[in-house]
Amino acid sequence: MTEDPAELQRRTAYLDALRAQGRSARLAGLILSLAGVLILVVGRYRLGGPTWALAGGIVVIAFGWALFVYAVGRRLLWVRSHPYPNAAGRQG
């Protein structure tokens, strides 16, 4: 199957723009989720660990997941407001 180079370049640019939506929020969500798990582990398994660490870890994990949800929503809104050109007219 031969592809039109201009169409392939447009598709690549569209996908790159789509992947860029919410990238920093996704990364921050991942880092916060991992930090929350580490806080939970320290609070649970370290003898004499602070009692607030369990609740703090849960709050940090919840904030990290909220950032993930925000990034997914932002991406969804971007796709709806910027549909791929000629997507409806393409056959197979």
N, C-alpha and C. Protein backbone atom coordinates (compact mmCIF):
# COMPACT_ATOMS: atom_id res chain seq x y z
N MET A 1 0.84 -1.17 0.00
CA MET A 1 0.00 0.00 0.00
C MET A 1 0.88 1.24 0.00
N THR A 2 0.70 2.08 -0.96
CA THR A 2 1.49 3.29 -1.04
C THR A 2 0.77 4.42 -0.33
N GLU A 3 1.50 5.13 0.48
CA GLU A 3 0.96 6.26 1.24
C GLU A 3 1.44 7.56 0.62
N ASP A 4 0.60 8.54 0.63
CA ASP A 4 0.98 9.88 0.20
C ASP A 4 1.90 10.47 1.27
N PRO A 5 3.11 10.90 0.90
CA PRO A 5 4.03 11.42 1.92
C PRO A 5 3.48 12.64 2.67
N ALA A 6 2.73 13.48 1.97
CA ALA A 6 2.17 14.66 2.64
C ALA A 6 1.12 14.25 3.67
N GLU A 7 0.28 13.27 3.31
CA GLU A 7 -0.73 12.78 4.25
C GLU A 7 -0.08 12.10 5.45
N LEU A 8 0.97 11.34 5.20
CA LEU A 8 1.69 10.69 6.30
C LEU A 8 2.32 11.72 7.23
N GLN A 9 2.85 12.79 6.67
CA GLN A 9 3.44 13.84 7.49
C GLN A 9 2.36 14.57 8.31
N ARG A 10 1.19 14.83 7.70
CA ARG A 10 0.09 15.46 8.45
C ARG A 10 -0.38 14.57 9.59
N ARG A 11 -0.50 13.27 9.32
CA ARG A 11 -0.95 12.33 10.35
C ARG A 11 0.05 12.26 11.50
N THR A 12 1.33 12.24 11.17
CA THR A 12 2.37 12.21 12.20
C THR A 12 2.34 13.48 13.05
N ALA A 13 2.16 14.63 12.41
CA ALA A 13 2.10 15.89 13.15
C ALA A 13 0.87 15.92 14.06
N TYR A 14 -0.26 15.40 13.58
CA TYR A 14 -1.47 15.36 14.39
C TYR A 14 -1.27 14.46 15.61
N LEU A 15 -0.69 13.30 15.41
CA LEU A 15 -0.46 12.37 16.53
C LEU A 15 0.54 12.94 17.53
N ASP A 16 1.56 13.64 17.04
CA ASP A 16 2.52 14.27 17.95
C ASP A 16 1.85 15.35 18.80
N ALA A 17 0.97 16.14 18.16
CA ALA A 17 0.25 17.16 18.92
C ALA A 17 -0.70 16.53 19.93
N LEU A 18 -1.31 15.42 19.56
CA LEU A 18 -2.22 14.72 20.48
C LEU A 18 -1.45 14.16 21.68
N ARG A 19 -0.31 13.57 21.42
CA ARG A 19 0.48 12.99 22.51
C ARG A 19 1.04 14.06 23.45
N ALA A 20 1.21 15.27 22.95
CA ALA A 20 1.75 16.36 23.78
C ALA A 20 0.72 16.90 24.76
N GLN A 21 -0.56 16.64 24.52
CA GLN A 21 -1.61 17.16 25.39
C GLN A 21 -1.53 16.49 26.77
N GLY A 22 -1.31 17.26 27.79
CA GLY A 22 -1.30 16.75 29.15
C GLY A 22 -0.06 15.95 29.53
N ARG A 23 1.00 16.07 28.76
CA ARG A 23 2.21 15.29 29.03
C ARG A 23 2.79 15.62 30.41
N SER A 24 2.87 16.90 30.74
CA SER A 24 3.46 17.27 32.03
C SER A 24 2.56 16.84 33.18
N ALA A 25 1.23 16.91 32.99
CA ALA A 25 0.31 16.47 34.04
C ALA A 25 0.41 14.95 34.25
N ARG A 26 0.56 14.20 33.16
CA ARG A 26 0.71 12.75 33.29
C ARG A 26 2.00 12.40 34.03
N LEU A 27 3.08 13.08 33.68
CA LEU A 27 4.35 12.82 34.35
C LEU A 27 4.29 13.19 35.83
N ALA A 28 3.69 14.33 36.13
CA ALA A 28 3.54 14.73 37.53
C ALA A 28 2.65 13.74 38.28
N GLY A 29 1.60 13.25 37.65
CA GLY A 29 0.73 12.25 38.28
C GLY A 29 1.47 10.96 38.57
N LEU A 30 2.31 10.53 37.64
CA LEU A 30 3.10 9.32 37.86
C LEU A 30 4.07 9.49 39.01
N ILE A 31 4.76 10.62 39.02
CA ILE A 31 5.74 10.87 40.09
C ILE A 31 5.04 10.97 41.45
N LEU A 32 3.91 11.67 41.49
CA LEU A 32 3.19 11.79 42.76
C LEU A 32 2.64 10.44 43.23
N SER A 33 2.17 9.62 42.31
CA SER A 33 1.67 8.30 42.70
C SER A 33 2.80 7.44 43.27
N LEU A 34 3.95 7.47 42.62
CA LEU A 34 5.09 6.70 43.14
C LEU A 34 5.55 7.23 44.49
N ALA A 35 5.58 8.57 44.64
CA ALA A 35 5.98 9.15 45.92
C ALA A 35 4.97 8.79 47.00
N GLY A 36 3.68 8.77 46.67
CA GLY A 36 2.66 8.38 47.64
C GLY A 36 2.82 6.94 48.09
N VAL A 37 3.16 6.06 47.15
CA VAL A 37 3.38 4.65 47.52
C VAL A 37 4.60 4.55 48.44
N LEU A 38 5.65 5.29 48.14
CA LEU A 38 6.83 5.26 49.01
C LEU A 38 6.50 5.79 50.41
N ILE A 39 5.69 6.84 50.48
CA ILE A 39 5.28 7.36 51.79
C ILE A 39 4.46 6.31 52.54
N LEU A 40 3.57 5.61 51.83
CA LEU A 40 2.79 4.54 52.47
C LEU A 40 3.69 3.43 52.99
N VAL A 41 4.66 3.04 52.20
CA VAL A 41 5.57 1.96 52.63
C VAL A 41 6.36 2.38 53.85
N VAL A 42 6.86 3.60 53.85
CA VAL A 42 7.62 4.09 55.01
C VAL A 42 6.72 4.16 56.23
N GLY A 43 5.51 4.67 56.06
CA GLY A 43 4.59 4.79 57.20
C GLY A 43 4.12 3.45 57.73
N ARG A 44 4.05 2.46 56.88
CA ARG A 44 3.53 1.15 57.30
C ARG A 44 4.61 0.24 57.86
N TYR A 45 5.77 0.20 57.22
CA TYR A 45 6.76 -0.81 57.58
C TYR A 45 7.94 -0.29 58.39
N ARG A 46 8.10 1.00 58.49
CA ARG A 46 9.20 1.53 59.29
C ARG A 46 8.78 1.59 60.74
N LEU A 47 9.54 0.96 61.61
CA LEU A 47 9.23 0.97 63.03
C LEU A 47 9.41 2.39 63.57
N GLY A 48 8.40 2.86 64.23
CA GLY A 48 8.47 4.21 64.77
C GLY A 48 8.22 5.28 63.73
N GLY A 49 7.67 4.88 62.59
CA GLY A 49 7.37 5.84 61.53
C GLY A 49 6.22 6.74 61.94
N PRO A 50 6.13 7.89 61.33
CA PRO A 50 5.07 8.83 61.69
C PRO A 50 3.69 8.27 61.35
N THR A 51 2.73 8.55 62.22
CA THR A 51 1.38 8.03 62.01
C THR A 51 0.66 8.76 60.88
N TRP A 52 1.06 9.98 60.59
CA TRP A 52 0.42 10.75 59.54
C TRP A 52 0.82 10.26 58.16
N ALA A 53 1.86 9.42 58.10
CA ALA A 53 2.38 9.01 56.79
C ALA A 53 1.37 8.19 56.00
N LEU A 54 0.56 7.37 56.68
CA LEU A 54 -0.43 6.58 55.95
C LEU A 54 -1.48 7.47 55.30
N ALA A 55 -2.03 8.39 56.04
CA ALA A 55 -3.03 9.30 55.46
C ALA A 55 -2.39 10.22 54.43
N GLY A 56 -1.21 10.69 54.70
CA GLY A 56 -0.51 11.55 53.74
C GLY A 56 -0.21 10.83 52.44
N GLY A 57 0.18 9.58 52.52
CA GLY A 57 0.45 8.79 51.32
C GLY A 57 -0.80 8.61 50.48
N ILE A 58 -1.92 8.36 51.15
CA ILE A 58 -3.19 8.18 50.42
C ILE A 58 -3.58 9.49 49.73
N VAL A 59 -3.39 10.61 50.40
CA VAL A 59 -3.72 11.91 49.81
C VAL A 59 -2.83 12.19 48.60
N VAL A 60 -1.54 11.89 48.70
CA VAL A 60 -0.62 12.13 47.59
C VAL A 60 -0.98 11.24 46.40
N ILE A 61 -1.31 9.97 46.66
CA ILE A 61 -1.72 9.07 45.58
C ILE A 61 -3.01 9.56 44.92
N ALA A 62 -3.96 10.01 45.72
CA ALA A 62 -5.22 10.52 45.16
C ALA A 62 -4.97 11.75 44.29
N PHE A 63 -4.09 12.63 44.71
CA PHE A 63 -3.77 13.81 43.90
C PHE A 63 -3.09 13.41 42.60
N GLY A 64 -2.20 12.40 42.66
CA GLY A 64 -1.56 11.90 41.45
C GLY A 64 -2.57 11.34 40.46
N TRP A 65 -3.54 10.57 40.96
CA TRP A 65 -4.57 10.02 40.08
C TRP A 65 -5.47 11.12 39.54
N ALA A 66 -5.71 12.16 40.34
CA ALA A 66 -6.50 13.29 39.85
C ALA A 66 -5.80 13.97 38.68
N LEU A 67 -4.48 14.06 38.74
CA LEU A 67 -3.73 14.61 37.62
C LEU A 67 -3.84 13.73 36.39
N PHE A 68 -3.82 12.40 36.57
CA PHE A 68 -4.01 11.48 35.44
C PHE A 68 -5.38 11.72 34.78
N VAL A 69 -6.41 11.83 35.60
CA VAL A 69 -7.77 12.04 35.08
C VAL A 69 -7.85 13.38 34.36
N TYR A 70 -7.22 14.40 34.92
CA TYR A 70 -7.19 15.71 34.27
C TYR A 70 -6.52 15.61 32.90
N ALA A 71 -5.41 14.89 32.81
CA ALA A 71 -4.69 14.77 31.54
C ALA A 71 -5.53 14.02 30.51
N VAL A 72 -6.24 12.98 30.92
CA VAL A 72 -7.09 12.24 30.00
C VAL A 72 -8.24 13.12 29.52
N GLY A 73 -8.85 13.87 30.43
CA GLY A 73 -9.92 14.77 30.05
C GLY A 73 -9.45 15.87 29.11
N ARG A 74 -8.28 16.41 29.37
CA ARG A 74 -7.73 17.45 28.51
C ARG A 74 -7.48 16.90 27.10
N ARG A 75 -6.98 15.69 27.03
CA ARG A 75 -6.72 15.06 25.74
C ARG A 75 -8.02 14.80 24.99
N LEU A 76 -9.03 14.34 25.71
CA LEU A 76 -10.33 14.07 25.10
C LEU A 76 -10.94 15.35 24.55
N LEU A 77 -10.89 16.43 25.31
CA LEU A 77 -11.43 17.71 24.83
C LEU A 77 -10.66 18.22 23.62
N TRP A 78 -9.35 18.01 23.60
CA TRP A 78 -8.56 18.45 22.46
C TRP A 78 -8.93 17.68 21.21
N VAL A 79 -9.12 16.38 21.33
CA VAL A 79 -9.49 15.56 20.17
C VAL A 79 -10.86 15.96 19.65
N ARG A 80 -11.79 16.24 20.55
CA ARG A 80 -13.13 16.64 20.11
C ARG A 80 -13.12 18.00 19.44
N SER A 81 -12.27 18.90 19.88
CA SER A 81 -12.24 20.23 19.26
C SER A 81 -11.31 20.29 18.05
N HIS A 82 -10.43 19.30 17.88
CA HIS A 82 -9.51 19.24 16.74
C HIS A 82 -9.59 17.86 16.09
N PRO A 83 -10.70 17.53 15.45
CA PRO A 83 -10.77 16.20 14.81
C PRO A 83 -9.77 16.12 13.66
N TYR A 84 -9.35 14.89 13.39
CA TYR A 84 -8.39 14.70 12.31
C TYR A 84 -9.06 15.05 10.99
N PRO A 85 -8.42 15.87 10.17
CA PRO A 85 -9.05 16.26 8.90
C PRO A 85 -9.24 15.06 7.99
N ASN A 86 -10.39 15.03 7.35
CA ASN A 86 -10.75 13.99 6.40
C ASN A 86 -10.92 12.63 7.06
N ALA A 87 -11.18 12.59 8.36
CA ALA A 87 -11.35 11.29 9.05
C ALA A 87 -12.67 10.65 8.66
N ALA A 88 -13.71 11.44 8.45
CA ALA A 88 -15.02 10.87 8.11
C ALA A 88 -15.05 10.37 6.68
N GLY A 89 -14.29 10.98 5.79
CA GLY A 89 -14.34 10.62 4.39
C GLY A 89 -13.40 9.48 4.00
N ARG A 90 -12.56 9.04 4.94
CA ARG A 90 -11.60 7.99 4.64
C ARG A 90 -12.28 6.64 4.62
N GLN A 91 -11.98 5.84 3.65
CA GLN A 91 -12.54 4.48 3.55
C GLN A 91 -11.41 3.48 3.76
N GLY A 92 -11.54 2.70 4.84
CA GLY A 92 -10.61 1.60 5.12
C GLY A 92 -9.26 2.05 5.28
